Protein backbone atom coordinates (compact mmCIF):
# COMPACT_ATOMS: atom_id res chain seq x y z
CA UNK A 1 107.54 125.73 110.42
CA UNK A 2 105.00 127.47 113.55
CA UNK A 3 103.28 125.34 115.52
CA UNK A 4 100.27 125.74 118.29
CA UNK A 5 100.86 123.74 121.42
CA UNK A 6 99.13 123.87 124.67
CA UNK A 7 101.31 123.16 127.64
CA UNK A 8 98.15 123.66 130.39
CA UNK A 9 95.05 125.81 131.58
CA UNK A 10 95.61 129.14 130.10
CA UNK A 11 98.99 128.48 128.78
CA UNK A 12 99.07 128.82 125.31
CA UNK A 13 102.61 128.31 123.20
CA UNK A 14 103.21 129.17 119.08
CA UNK A 15 106.53 127.02 118.61
CA UNK A 16 108.82 125.66 116.08
CA UNK A 17 108.26 122.57 115.37
CA UNK A 18 109.73 119.83 112.40
CA UNK A 19 108.15 121.03 108.24
CA UNK A 20 105.71 117.99 107.76
CA UNK A 21 107.14 115.68 105.09
CA UNK A 22 104.67 112.60 103.29
CA UNK A 23 105.22 109.34 105.23
CA UNK A 24 103.13 107.30 103.67
CA UNK A 25 101.42 107.08 100.16
CA UNK A 26 98.44 109.01 101.25
CA UNK A 27 99.33 111.11 102.63
CA UNK A 28 98.96 114.86 100.85
CA UNK A 29 100.98 118.17 102.95
CA UNK A 30 99.01 121.54 102.67
CA UNK A 31 99.87 124.95 103.83
CA UNK A 32 97.79 126.72 105.82
CA UNK A 33 96.04 128.99 104.26
CA UNK A 34 92.94 129.73 106.94
CA UNK A 35 92.21 128.02 110.61
CA UNK A 36 90.35 129.12 113.75
CA UNK A 37 90.04 128.01 117.62
CA UNK A 38 87.32 126.18 118.52
CA UNK A 39 85.05 126.63 121.31
CA UNK A 40 86.04 122.63 122.05
CA UNK A 41 89.47 123.76 123.00
CA UNK A 42 88.17 126.03 126.04
CA UNK A 43 87.91 123.04 127.56
CA UNK A 44 91.22 122.36 127.92
CA UNK A 45 92.73 125.41 127.72
CA UNK A 46 90.62 126.10 131.10
CA UNK A 47 91.15 122.48 132.87
CA UNK A 48 94.32 121.09 130.96
CA UNK A 49 97.30 119.85 133.91
CA UNK A 50 100.52 121.64 133.30
CA UNK A 51 102.35 119.41 130.77
CA UNK A 52 106.40 120.19 130.45
CA UNK A 53 105.62 118.24 126.04
CA UNK A 54 102.79 120.71 124.54
CA UNK A 55 100.08 119.61 122.97
CA UNK A 56 99.30 120.37 119.68
CA UNK A 57 96.02 122.27 118.66
CA UNK A 58 94.04 123.29 116.38
CA UNK A 59 91.58 120.49 113.87
CA UNK A 60 89.48 122.97 111.81
CA UNK A 61 92.05 124.34 108.69
CA UNK A 62 91.76 124.91 104.71
CA UNK A 63 94.80 125.55 102.25
CA UNK A 64 97.14 124.95 99.91
CA UNK A 65 98.47 121.76 98.37
CA UNK A 66 102.26 121.56 98.07
CA UNK A 67 102.62 117.60 97.80
CA UNK A 68 100.75 113.96 97.22
CA UNK A 69 101.76 110.79 97.82
CA UNK A 70 102.46 107.94 95.72
CA UNK A 71 98.77 106.62 96.15
CA UNK A 72 96.67 109.71 96.24
CA UNK A 73 94.69 110.82 92.87
CA UNK A 74 92.20 113.50 92.52
CA UNK A 75 94.85 115.91 94.10
CA UNK A 76 97.76 118.13 92.80
CA UNK A 77 99.83 120.79 94.60
CA UNK A 78 98.25 124.07 93.96
CA UNK A 79 94.86 122.63 94.52
CA UNK A 80 92.93 125.14 97.43
CA UNK A 81 91.03 122.75 99.83
CA UNK A 82 89.18 122.79 103.16
CA UNK A 83 89.34 118.99 106.12
CA UNK A 84 86.85 118.02 108.05
CA UNK A 85 87.66 118.27 111.69
CA UNK A 86 89.07 114.16 112.24
CA UNK A 87 91.03 112.38 109.06
CA UNK A 88 89.27 109.36 107.67
CA UNK A 89 89.92 106.66 104.38
CA UNK A 90 86.18 107.78 103.65
CA UNK A 91 86.28 104.43 101.82
CA UNK A 92 85.47 101.54 104.54
CA UNK A 93 81.79 100.55 106.23
CA UNK A 94 81.97 103.20 108.87
CA UNK A 95 82.62 105.94 106.16
CA UNK A 96 80.26 104.31 103.50
CA UNK A 97 77.38 104.59 105.91
CA UNK A 98 78.72 108.25 106.67
CA UNK A 99 80.27 107.64 109.91
CA UNK A 100 83.45 108.43 109.61
CA UNK A 101 84.30 109.80 112.67
CA UNK A 102 84.38 106.45 113.41
CA UNK A 103 86.27 105.27 110.39
CA UNK A 104 88.73 101.87 110.69
CA UNK A 105 91.57 103.93 109.01
CA UNK A 106 90.57 107.17 110.96
CA UNK A 107 92.39 109.68 113.54
CA UNK A 108 92.19 113.42 115.17
CA UNK A 109 94.89 116.12 114.24
CA UNK A 110 97.45 116.34 117.00
CA UNK A 111 97.20 113.00 117.73
CA UNK A 112 100.03 109.90 117.39
CA UNK A 113 102.22 111.95 115.77
CA UNK A 114 99.92 114.02 112.76
CA UNK A 115 99.89 117.18 112.72
CA UNK A 116 97.74 119.71 113.90
CA UNK A 117 95.19 122.55 112.28
CA UNK A 118 97.01 125.25 114.49
CA UNK A 119 100.14 125.51 112.00
CA UNK A 120 101.49 126.97 108.88
CA UNK A 121 101.90 123.15 107.57
CA UNK A 122 100.12 119.64 108.06
CA UNK A 123 100.80 116.40 107.18
CA UNK A 124 97.19 114.44 106.60
CA UNK A 125 97.07 110.86 106.33
CA UNK A 126 94.45 109.07 104.17
CA UNK A 127 94.51 112.99 101.91
CA UNK A 128 91.90 111.58 99.31
CA UNK A 129 89.85 110.50 101.39
CA UNK A 130 89.65 113.23 103.67
CA UNK A 131 90.31 116.31 102.18
CA UNK A 132 87.28 118.19 99.61
CA UNK A 133 89.21 120.23 97.27
CA UNK A 134 87.29 123.90 96.62
CA UNK A 135 86.77 125.49 93.53
CA UNK A 136 87.89 129.47 94.79
CA UNK A 137 91.17 130.95 95.06
CA UNK A 138 93.02 131.45 98.02
CA UNK A 139 92.55 135.24 98.25
CA UNK A 140 88.87 134.81 98.23
CA UNK A 141 86.28 136.26 100.30
CA UNK A 142 84.47 133.42 100.50
CA UNK A 143 86.95 131.50 103.09
CA UNK A 144 85.67 132.06 106.07
CA UNK A 145 82.39 130.61 105.60
CA UNK A 146 84.13 127.88 103.50
CA UNK A 147 86.63 126.76 106.75
CA UNK A 148 83.12 126.63 109.00
CA UNK A 149 82.30 123.09 106.78
CA UNK A 150 86.25 121.61 108.39
CA UNK A 151 84.02 121.67 112.14
CA UNK A 152 81.40 124.45 112.59
CA UNK A 153 78.94 124.38 110.25
CA UNK A 154 79.01 120.70 109.83
CA UNK A 155 78.35 120.55 113.38
CA UNK A 156 75.96 122.76 114.04
CA UNK A 157 73.98 120.71 110.35
CA UNK A 158 74.59 117.89 111.86
CA UNK A 159 72.36 118.55 115.09
CA UNK A 160 69.87 119.77 112.78
CA UNK A 161 69.70 116.45 111.20
CA UNK A 162 70.12 114.42 114.33
CA UNK A 163 67.25 116.02 115.87
CA UNK A 164 64.85 115.32 112.47
CA UNK A 165 64.23 118.99 111.94
CA UNK A 166 61.96 119.41 108.64
CA UNK A 167 60.16 121.60 107.68
CA UNK A 168 57.18 123.69 109.71
CA UNK A 169 58.75 121.78 112.77
CA UNK A 170 59.76 124.39 115.74
CA UNK A 171 63.24 123.54 117.17
CA UNK A 172 65.29 125.19 119.97
CA UNK A 173 68.79 125.54 119.92
CA UNK A 174 70.18 125.90 123.16
CA UNK A 175 73.67 127.87 123.30
CA UNK A 176 75.34 130.43 121.77
CA UNK A 177 77.69 129.62 120.56
CA UNK A 178 79.02 128.94 117.16
CA UNK A 179 78.16 125.46 117.13
CA UNK A 180 74.71 127.40 117.64
CA UNK A 181 74.31 130.07 115.37
CA UNK A 182 75.29 126.80 113.34
CA UNK A 183 72.50 125.34 113.65
CA UNK A 184 70.20 128.66 113.61
CA UNK A 185 71.20 129.22 110.13
CA UNK A 186 71.34 124.79 109.55
CA UNK A 187 67.53 124.80 110.84
CA UNK A 188 66.66 127.60 108.83
CA UNK A 189 67.87 126.67 105.65
CA UNK A 190 66.45 123.13 106.35
CA UNK A 191 62.44 124.94 107.10
CA UNK A 192 61.91 125.12 109.97
CA UNK A 193 58.83 126.83 110.86
CA UNK A 194 60.24 128.29 114.94
CA UNK A 195 63.76 128.61 115.54
CA UNK A 196 63.81 129.58 119.30
CA UNK A 197 67.83 130.24 120.50
CA UNK A 198 69.09 130.34 124.27
CA UNK A 199 71.57 132.38 125.18
CA UNK A 200 71.97 136.17 126.72
CA UNK A 201 74.45 137.37 124.81
CA UNK A 202 72.99 140.10 122.67
CA UNK A 203 76.21 140.94 120.62
CA UNK A 204 75.41 136.66 119.75
CA UNK A 205 71.54 136.56 119.69
CA UNK A 206 71.77 139.44 117.38
CA UNK A 207 73.63 137.59 114.76
CA UNK A 208 70.88 134.43 115.50
CA UNK A 209 67.86 136.50 114.76
CA UNK A 210 70.11 137.01 111.29
CA UNK A 211 70.82 132.99 110.96
CA UNK A 212 66.81 132.44 111.22
CA UNK A 213 65.99 132.92 115.28
CA UNK A 214 62.46 134.16 115.62
CA UNK A 215 62.95 134.15 119.85
CA UNK A 216 65.71 134.43 121.63
CA UNK A 217 65.23 133.47 125.09
CA UNK A 218 67.88 134.88 127.72
CA UNK A 219 66.73 133.34 130.91
CA UNK A 220 68.12 129.99 132.34
CA UNK A 221 67.23 127.31 134.55
CA UNK A 222 63.57 126.87 135.20
CA UNK A 223 62.78 130.75 134.00
CA UNK A 224 64.40 129.90 130.69
CA UNK A 225 61.93 126.60 130.33
CA UNK A 226 58.98 128.58 131.70
CA UNK A 227 59.79 131.16 128.20
CA UNK A 228 59.44 128.21 126.26
CA UNK A 229 56.93 126.76 127.48
CA UNK A 230 55.34 129.84 126.95
CA UNK A 231 56.12 129.99 123.20
CA UNK A 232 55.17 127.12 121.95
CA UNK A 233 51.76 126.47 124.07
CA UNK A 234 53.03 124.85 126.53
CA UNK A 235 53.90 121.60 124.09
CA UNK A 236 58.01 122.74 124.25
CA UNK A 237 59.82 122.15 120.18
CA UNK A 238 59.84 119.11 118.04
CA UNK A 239 63.97 119.52 118.27
CA UNK A 240 66.05 120.44 121.04
CA UNK A 241 70.07 120.63 119.76
CA UNK A 242 71.85 121.01 123.20
CA UNK A 243 74.93 122.94 121.22
CA UNK A 244 76.72 123.23 125.26
CA UNK A 245 77.84 120.44 126.32
CA UNK A 246 76.59 121.12 130.46
CA UNK A 247 74.33 118.72 132.72
CA UNK A 248 72.37 122.10 132.97
CA UNK A 249 71.89 121.96 129.71
CA UNK A 250 70.97 118.96 128.93
CA UNK A 251 68.31 119.14 132.01
CA UNK A 252 67.07 122.18 130.31
CA UNK A 253 66.52 120.41 126.74
CA UNK A 254 64.56 117.78 128.73
CA UNK A 255 62.06 120.07 130.31
CA UNK A 256 61.88 122.14 126.83
CA UNK A 257 60.83 119.90 124.63
CA UNK A 258 57.95 118.11 123.01
CA UNK A 259 56.68 114.72 123.58
CA UNK A 260 57.46 112.52 120.97
CA UNK A 261 60.59 115.34 120.17
CA UNK A 262 64.17 114.52 119.57
CA UNK A 263 66.70 116.01 121.88
CA UNK A 264 70.38 115.98 120.29
CA UNK A 265 73.55 116.30 122.17
CA UNK A 266 75.76 118.56 120.31
CA UNK A 267 78.71 120.38 122.74
CA UNK A 268 81.15 118.59 123.66
CA UNK A 269 79.74 116.25 127.27
CA UNK A 270 81.60 117.82 130.25
CA UNK A 271 78.74 115.87 132.04
CA UNK A 272 78.50 111.40 132.26
CA UNK A 273 75.24 110.72 133.00
CA UNK A 274 71.29 111.47 131.66
CA UNK A 275 68.50 112.18 134.07
CA UNK A 276 66.78 109.53 131.39
CA UNK A 277 64.05 107.47 133.95
CA UNK A 278 60.25 105.93 133.79
CA UNK A 279 58.72 110.24 132.81
CA UNK A 280 61.71 110.97 129.54
CA UNK A 281 60.18 107.27 129.29
CA UNK A 282 56.59 108.30 128.96
CA UNK A 283 56.59 110.90 126.85
CA UNK A 284 58.12 108.88 124.30
CA UNK A 285 61.83 111.29 124.19
CA UNK A 286 64.81 110.44 121.64
CA UNK A 287 68.04 111.48 122.68
CA UNK A 288 70.63 111.24 119.70
CA UNK A 289 72.98 113.33 118.44
CA UNK A 290 76.87 113.32 119.10
CA UNK A 291 79.94 114.07 116.83
CA UNK A 292 78.77 115.02 113.23
CA UNK A 293 81.32 113.15 110.19
CA UNK A 294 81.85 116.70 108.93
CA UNK A 295 83.13 115.03 105.66
CA UNK A 296 79.21 113.65 104.90
CA UNK A 297 78.11 116.84 104.92
CA UNK A 298 80.37 118.65 102.93
CA UNK A 299 79.45 118.17 99.36
CA UNK A 300 75.93 119.04 100.56
CA UNK A 301 76.53 122.27 102.32
CA UNK A 302 79.06 123.22 99.44
CA UNK A 303 76.93 125.37 97.38
CA UNK A 304 75.11 127.33 99.52
CA UNK A 305 77.98 129.21 99.99
CA UNK A 306 79.47 129.53 96.91
CA UNK A 307 76.35 131.31 96.05
CA UNK A 308 75.39 133.02 98.72
CA UNK A 309 73.07 132.36 100.31
CA UNK A 310 74.22 131.55 104.05
CA UNK A 311 77.31 132.28 105.29
CA UNK A 312 78.02 131.03 108.01
CA UNK A 313 81.98 132.55 108.49
CA UNK A 314 79.82 135.66 109.83
CA UNK A 315 80.55 133.96 113.01
CA UNK A 316 84.33 134.91 113.07
CA UNK A 317 84.28 137.82 114.89
CA UNK A 318 88.37 138.81 115.91
CA UNK A 319 91.28 137.49 113.56
CA UNK A 320 94.69 136.84 114.66
CA UNK A 321 98.35 136.44 113.37
CA UNK A 322 99.83 133.51 113.31
CA UNK A 323 101.87 135.02 116.11
CA UNK A 324 98.85 135.64 118.17
CA UNK A 325 97.09 132.94 118.25
CA UNK A 326 97.44 133.27 122.34
CA UNK A 327 95.86 136.23 122.85
CA UNK A 328 93.22 134.46 120.43
CA UNK A 329 92.57 131.37 122.92
CA UNK A 330 92.67 134.45 125.77
CA UNK A 331 89.47 136.75 123.77
CA UNK A 332 87.36 133.17 123.76
CA UNK A 333 87.94 132.60 126.72
CA UNK A 334 86.19 135.65 127.99
CA UNK A 335 84.04 135.78 125.44
CA UNK A 336 85.06 139.03 124.04
CA UNK A 337 85.37 137.38 121.18
CA UNK A 338 82.64 134.51 119.79
CA UNK A 339 85.39 132.18 116.75
CA UNK A 340 88.64 133.47 116.57
CA UNK A 341 90.02 133.14 112.74
CA UNK A 342 93.77 132.70 112.85
CA UNK A 343 94.88 133.61 109.23
CA UNK A 344 99.11 132.78 108.67
């Protein structure tokens, strides 16, 4: 079969790799129907050292079950399923607490001999706990939105939940990438009254307005902080979702959060420290967030997608076939695509 491998910064290739097979009785083999390129994939795409051994790529996919191990129940060949961006048994103490990202028997796609999502077929460890069956056909028009349950929509939702967005609250989302836009959509779904989107790509912020943003702030740095303060009568917002991962974005979050408010760190952090000194302590600011336990949210978010209440799949604005995956990476890195859908 074919799969995507990264050999270094800017060097993405589609190559033939061994076909997946059942290794353990808890495995399943899934034929990928849709996958995508994640914004987090752009960090290694821009900085990964060159290597002779490629790194398997992709952690978002949905597909059709082809085979299951002897210990897997509730799934059978022909089922359409979505896979969260980490695999987990969904039964350990961390999983039952809703933290499948810390599963004692789980792991990451593309690591330690496990397949990755940007391939034609994937061996799924801990399949019974990982995969969620979808009640639609594999040619359904809902597939792009259902694919967002693998990561990006659940991640946006996680940022909103951890920053304690409730009906009537105000929230600022920093970053107009797919995760930030999904955070806007999630904040609207949970009843936020004011949703400020900080971003300067008009096509993206227009989509953000369609998702529920009440205000758009294109300015950055001190100008951006001043503008958010103007929109909130000088107070800042109850919640801030930092969906970039850069130090400047985190500094902005600290400057625009309301006293007693909550900041959720959602972007893949490219910094190692946060400026939390005496001033932020006196303001009673809470900093939380982290990697989203997508598996914990799928059943909650699925119904609104199935009935058309939300359409998070609108974040996909570019589709490529499998041979053109490297072009998809370039499009996202060049900011000519928001999020690339891969249709094998």
